[in-house]
Amino acid sequence: MLANAIYEGTERAIDEAVQVLFDGLRHPQMKQRLAAATYFLRHTEAGRRRGGGRGGASPDELAEGRALTLKWLDEPEPN
């Protein structure tokens, strides 16, 4: 019974924290919106999957067979 109460309390706190981040995405100040968006992109699975993590795809994701394209910066684009 105590474990259930702790679990429920933790879940409510997480819900509140997520709501604060969603509210931050709609904040009137751009700095607050950017901070909330940055957090979502870096710290959620969906954000990292879309390349929002610090280094984009993780090495584990690249090892799973994702295509990797390298481009030399000094070469002209093919026509």
C-alpha atoms as a PDB file:
ATOM      1  CA  MET A   1       0.000   0.000   0.000  1.00  0.00           C
ATOM      2  CA  LEU A   2       2.833   2.412   0.826  1.00  0.00           C
ATOM      3  CA  ALA A   3       4.597   1.491  -2.422  1.00  0.00           C
ATOM      4  CA  ASN A   4       1.426   2.321  -4.383  1.00  0.00           C
ATOM      5  CA  ALA A   5       1.156   5.723  -2.686  1.00  0.00           C
ATOM      6  CA  ILE A   6       4.802   6.493  -3.472  1.00  0.00           C
ATOM      7  CA  TYR A   7       4.326   5.385  -7.070  1.00  0.00           C
ATOM      8  CA  GLU A   8       1.212   7.533  -7.500  1.00  0.00           C
ATOM      9  CA  GLY A   9       2.937  10.539  -5.943  1.00  0.00           C
ATOM     10  CA  THR A  10       5.890  10.110  -8.271  1.00  0.00           C
ATOM     11  CA  GLU A  11       3.622   9.794 -11.307  1.00  0.00           C
ATOM     12  CA  ARG A  12       1.748  12.982 -10.350  1.00  0.00           C
ATOM     13  CA  ALA A  13       5.042  14.850  -9.943  1.00  0.00           C
ATOM     14  CA  ILE A  14       6.207  13.664 -13.364  1.00  0.00           C
ATOM     15  CA  ASP A  15       2.901  14.757 -14.903  1.00  0.00           C
ATOM     16  CA  GLU A  16       3.322  18.200 -13.339  1.00  0.00           C
ATOM     17  CA  ALA A  17       6.914  18.478 -14.607  1.00  0.00           C
ATOM     18  CA  VAL A  18       5.872  17.560 -18.142  1.00  0.00           C
ATOM     19  CA  GLN A  19       3.081  20.135 -17.968  1.00  0.00           C
ATOM     20  CA  VAL A  20       5.607  22.801 -16.954  1.00  0.00           C
ATOM     21  CA  LEU A  21       7.659  21.949 -20.053  1.00  0.00           C
ATOM     22  CA  PHE A  22       4.566  22.107 -22.291  1.00  0.00           C
ATOM     23  CA  ASP A  23       3.702  25.464 -20.751  1.00  0.00           C
ATOM     24  CA  GLY A  24       7.264  26.576 -21.448  1.00  0.00           C
ATOM     25  CA  LEU A  25       6.767  25.848 -25.158  1.00  0.00           C
ATOM     26  CA  ARG A  26       3.974  28.439 -25.159  1.00  0.00           C
ATOM     27  CA  HIS A  27       5.713  30.997 -22.922  1.00  0.00           C
ATOM     28  CA  PRO A  28       5.632  34.600 -24.202  1.00  0.00           C
ATOM     29  CA  GLN A  29       9.415  34.944 -23.846  1.00  0.00           C
ATOM     30  CA  MET A  30      11.427  33.319 -26.626  1.00  0.00           C
ATOM     31  CA  LYS A  31      14.220  32.346 -24.217  1.00  0.00           C
ATOM     32  CA  GLN A  32      11.809  30.229 -22.157  1.00  0.00           C
ATOM     33  CA  ARG A  33      10.334  28.593 -25.264  1.00  0.00           C
ATOM     34  CA  LEU A  34      13.806  27.740 -26.550  1.00  0.00           C
ATOM     35  CA  ALA A  35      14.827  26.249 -23.208  1.00  0.00           C
ATOM     36  CA  ALA A  36      11.726  24.032 -23.112  1.00  0.00           C
ATOM     37  CA  ALA A  37      12.138  22.977 -26.750  1.00  0.00           C
ATOM     38  CA  THR A  38      15.826  22.201 -26.226  1.00  0.00           C
ATOM     39  CA  TYR A  39      15.013  20.035 -23.229  1.00  0.00           C
ATOM     40  CA  PHE A  40      12.391  18.064 -25.166  1.00  0.00           C
ATOM     41  CA  LEU A  41      14.694  17.507 -28.119  1.00  0.00           C
ATOM     42  CA  ARG A  42      17.703  16.454 -26.054  1.00  0.00           C
ATOM     43  CA  HIS A  43      16.045  14.448 -23.316  1.00  0.00           C
ATOM     44  CA  THR A  44      13.150  12.598 -24.908  1.00  0.00           C
ATOM     45  CA  GLU A  45      13.425   9.505 -27.034  1.00  0.00           C
ATOM     46  CA  ALA A  46      11.349  11.090 -29.803  1.00  0.00           C
ATOM     47  CA  GLY A  47      13.514  14.222 -29.823  1.00  0.00           C
ATOM     48  CA  ARG A  48      16.745  12.233 -29.984  1.00  0.00           C
ATOM     49  CA  ARG A  49      15.299  10.017 -32.723  1.00  0.00           C
ATOM     50  CA  ARG A  50      14.754  13.179 -34.796  1.00  0.00           C
ATOM     51  CA  GLY A  51      18.354  14.263 -34.278  1.00  0.00           C
ATOM     52  CA  GLY A  52      17.773  16.623 -31.372  1.00  0.00           C
ATOM     53  CA  GLY A  53      20.310  15.019 -29.078  1.00  0.00           C
ATOM     54  CA  ARG A  54      23.694  16.582 -28.488  1.00  0.00           C
ATOM     55  CA  GLY A  55      25.302  14.460 -31.165  1.00  0.00           C
ATOM     56  CA  GLY A  56      22.276  13.487 -33.226  1.00  0.00           C
ATOM     57  CA  ALA A  57      21.997   9.735 -33.516  1.00  0.00           C
ATOM     58  CA  SER A  58      23.754   7.730 -30.857  1.00  0.00           C
ATOM     59  CA  PRO A  59      26.562   5.334 -31.838  1.00  0.00           C
ATOM     60  CA  ASP A  60      24.235   2.443 -30.944  1.00  0.00           C
ATOM     61  CA  GLU A  61      21.632   3.700 -33.415  1.00  0.00           C
ATOM     62  CA  LEU A  62      24.251   3.990 -36.161  1.00  0.00           C
ATOM     63  CA  ALA A  63      25.442   0.461 -35.401  1.00  0.00           C
ATOM     64  CA  GLU A  64      21.897  -0.822 -35.987  1.00  0.00           C
ATOM     65  CA  GLY A  65      22.258  -0.380 -39.734  1.00  0.00           C
ATOM     66  CA  ARG A  66      21.206   3.226 -40.219  1.00  0.00           C
ATOM     67  CA  ALA A  67      22.668   4.733 -43.362  1.00  0.00           C
ATOM     68  CA  LEU A  68      25.439   7.236 -42.859  1.00  0.00           C
ATOM     69  CA  THR A  69      26.404   9.657 -45.629  1.00  0.00           C
ATOM     70  CA  LEU A  70      29.691  11.539 -45.596  1.00  0.00           C
ATOM     71  CA  LYS A  71      30.220  14.607 -47.762  1.00  0.00           C
ATOM     72  CA  TRP A  72      33.452  16.464 -48.419  1.00  0.00           C
ATOM     73  CA  LEU A  73      32.896  20.168 -47.867  1.00  0.00           C
ATOM     74  CA  ASP A  74      35.348  21.295 -50.553  1.00  0.00           C
ATOM     75  CA  GLU A  75      33.792  19.252 -53.365  1.00  0.00           C
ATOM     76  CA  PRO A  76      31.158  20.892 -55.618  1.00  0.00           C
ATOM     77  CA  GLU A  77      27.643  19.465 -55.652  1.00  0.00           C
ATOM     78  CA  PRO A  78      27.000  17.024 -58.559  1.00  0.00           C
ATOM     79  CA  ASN A  79      24.636  18.356 -61.269  1.00  0.00           C
END
